[in-house]
Amino acid sequence: TPEMIAKILKLFNELRTAFARDSQVATQIENKQQEAWTSLKVDLETERDALQEKRTNLERQIEGYRAIIEDCNRNIEYLTKQLNLATENLNATVEHCEKLSATYASRNEERVRELEIVGRVLEFFEKRAKGFSESVKERVEGASI
């Protein structure tokens, strides 16, 4: 009946709206993740730069204070390890964020494909409903003649 078709069309419209909302949420999540990743990267680079600056200062102290060379060498080793750890952490974080970004992009692409399919199904049913309505109208008009 036309009422059932209208209900089905309404349900498909609601489904399309829900998929569109899910796609928007996924995009927002991806954007927030990208912002968080960028912020984290900046923080790690700043920390790495600070550690590099400390290392440079310690190397200058070694040149000026030969009496404390051993202490300064230990500090340099420590800061070098910290710099390497910060670099490793940065690389691991970049890799992790790239994987997350790819995952979110893939999920978003899936949502877009799902929306396209729902749109095509809805269009199909709208055409069928229109044809059915016209057919019923013609029959009713034909019966009343």
Protein backbone atom coordinates (compact mmCIF):
# COMPACT_ATOMS: atom_id res chain seq x y z
CA THR A 1 0.00 0.00 0.00
CA PRO A 2 1.12 3.61 -0.41
CA GLU A 3 1.17 4.04 3.36
CA MET A 4 3.58 1.14 3.79
CA ILE A 5 5.77 2.47 1.00
CA ALA A 6 5.77 5.90 2.63
CA LYS A 7 6.75 4.28 5.95
CA ILE A 8 9.55 2.34 4.23
CA LEU A 9 10.77 5.53 2.53
CA LYS A 10 10.69 7.34 5.84
CA LEU A 11 12.74 4.54 7.46
CA PHE A 12 15.30 4.69 4.66
CA ASN A 13 15.52 8.47 5.06
CA GLU A 14 16.10 8.01 8.78
CA LEU A 15 18.76 5.39 8.05
CA ARG A 16 20.49 7.72 5.59
CA THR A 17 20.42 10.51 8.20
CA ALA A 18 21.90 8.18 10.83
CA PHE A 19 24.69 7.12 8.45
CA ALA A 20 25.41 10.77 7.64
CA ARG A 21 25.64 11.54 11.37
CA ASP A 22 27.98 8.59 11.91
CA SER A 23 30.16 9.82 9.07
CA GLN A 24 30.30 13.30 10.56
CA VAL A 25 31.20 11.88 13.98
CA ALA A 26 33.96 9.77 12.43
CA THR A 27 35.32 12.84 10.65
CA GLN A 28 35.23 14.85 13.90
CA ILE A 29 37.03 12.05 15.73
CA GLU A 30 39.64 11.88 13.00
CA ASN A 31 40.12 15.67 13.15
CA LYS A 32 40.46 15.63 16.94
CA GLN A 33 42.91 12.72 16.70
CA GLN A 34 44.93 14.67 14.13
CA GLU A 35 44.98 17.74 16.39
CA ALA A 36 46.05 15.63 19.38
CA TRP A 37 48.76 13.96 17.31
CA THR A 38 50.06 17.33 16.10
CA SER A 39 50.07 18.71 19.64
CA LEU A 40 51.88 15.63 20.95
CA LYS A 41 54.43 15.83 18.16
CA VAL A 42 55.11 19.50 18.96
CA ASP A 43 55.48 18.68 22.67
CA LEU A 44 57.92 15.85 21.95
CA GLU A 45 59.93 17.99 19.55
CA THR A 46 60.09 20.77 22.12
CA GLU A 47 61.26 18.31 24.76
CA ARG A 48 63.83 16.91 22.33
CA ASP A 49 65.06 20.42 21.50
CA ALA A 50 65.32 21.26 25.20
CA LEU A 51 67.34 18.10 25.81
CA GLN A 52 69.58 18.93 22.84
CA GLU A 53 70.12 22.43 24.23
CA LYS A 54 71.06 21.01 27.63
CA ARG A 55 73.53 18.67 25.94
CA THR A 56 75.12 21.57 24.07
CA ASN A 57 75.46 23.57 27.30
CA LEU A 58 77.11 20.62 29.01
CA GLU A 59 79.60 20.27 26.17
CA ARG A 60 80.56 23.96 26.61
CA GLN A 61 81.07 23.40 30.34
CA ILE A 62 83.46 20.52 29.57
CA GLU A 63 85.62 22.83 27.47
CA GLY A 64 85.70 25.50 30.20
CA TYR A 65 86.03 23.28 33.26
CA ARG A 66 88.43 20.47 32.59
CA ALA A 67 88.45 19.61 36.30
CA ILE A 68 84.85 18.34 36.09
CA ILE A 69 85.09 16.50 32.77
CA GLU A 70 83.99 13.16 34.23
CA ASP A 71 80.79 14.58 35.74
CA CYS A 72 79.94 16.40 32.56
CA ASN A 73 80.54 13.27 30.47
CA ARG A 74 78.08 11.35 32.63
CA ASN A 75 75.52 14.12 32.19
CA ILE A 76 76.03 14.12 28.44
CA GLU A 77 75.50 10.37 28.29
CA TYR A 78 72.31 10.72 30.30
CA LEU A 79 71.00 13.52 28.11
CA THR A 80 71.93 11.60 24.96
CA LYS A 81 69.95 8.62 26.21
CA GLN A 82 67.02 10.93 26.99
CA LEU A 83 67.31 12.48 23.54
CA ASN A 84 67.33 9.02 21.94
CA LEU A 85 64.35 7.95 24.06
CA ALA A 86 62.48 11.11 23.09
CA THR A 87 63.27 10.47 19.42
CA GLU A 88 62.19 6.83 19.69
CA ASN A 89 58.99 7.91 21.45
CA LEU A 90 58.36 10.49 18.76
CA ASN A 91 58.89 7.92 16.00
CA ALA A 92 56.65 5.38 17.75
CA THR A 93 53.98 8.02 18.29
CA VAL A 94 54.13 9.13 14.67
CA GLU A 95 53.78 5.52 13.50
CA HIS A 96 50.89 4.90 15.88
CA CYS A 97 49.11 8.10 14.83
CA GLU A 98 49.57 7.28 11.16
CA LYS A 99 47.97 3.87 11.76
CA LEU A 100 45.07 5.51 13.61
CA SER A 101 44.67 8.07 10.86
CA ALA A 102 44.56 5.31 8.24
CA THR A 103 42.00 3.40 10.32
CA TYR A 104 39.76 6.44 10.69
CA ALA A 105 40.11 7.25 6.98
CA SER A 106 39.16 3.68 6.09
CA ARG A 107 36.16 3.74 8.41
CA ASN A 108 35.07 7.07 6.98
CA GLU A 109 35.34 5.68 3.44
CA GLU A 110 33.19 2.72 4.50
CA ARG A 111 30.56 5.11 5.86
CA VAL A 112 30.57 7.06 2.62
CA ARG A 113 30.09 3.86 0.60
CA GLU A 114 27.28 2.77 2.93
CA LEU A 115 25.59 6.16 2.49
CA GLU A 116 25.87 5.86 -1.28
CA ILE A 117 24.25 2.40 -1.19
CA VAL A 118 21.43 3.56 1.08
CA GLY A 119 20.91 6.56 -1.19
CA ARG A 120 20.64 4.31 -4.25
CA VAL A 121 18.21 1.97 -2.47
CA LEU A 122 16.13 4.93 -1.33
CA GLU A 123 16.11 6.36 -4.85
CA PHE A 124 15.04 2.96 -6.22
CA PHE A 125 12.16 2.71 -3.76
CA GLU A 126 11.12 6.31 -4.38
CA LYS A 127 10.89 5.58 -8.13
CA ARG A 128 8.99 2.36 -7.45
CA ALA A 129 6.63 4.15 -5.05
CA LYS A 130 5.99 6.92 -7.57
CA GLY A 131 5.27 4.37 -10.31
CA PHE A 132 3.04 2.39 -7.98
CA SER A 133 1.16 5.52 -6.90
CA GLU A 134 0.64 6.54 -10.53
CA SER A 135 -0.56 3.03 -11.40
CA VAL A 136 -3.04 3.03 -8.51
CA LYS A 137 -4.23 6.52 -9.49
CA GLU A 138 -4.77 5.38 -13.09
CA ARG A 139 -6.71 2.33 -11.93
CA VAL A 140 -8.88 4.41 -9.63
CA GLU A 141 -9.57 6.94 -12.39
CA GLY A 142 -10.21 4.10 -14.85
CA ALA A 143 -12.62 2.42 -12.44
CA SER A 144 -14.59 5.62 -11.88
CA ILE A 145 -15.15 6.25 -15.60
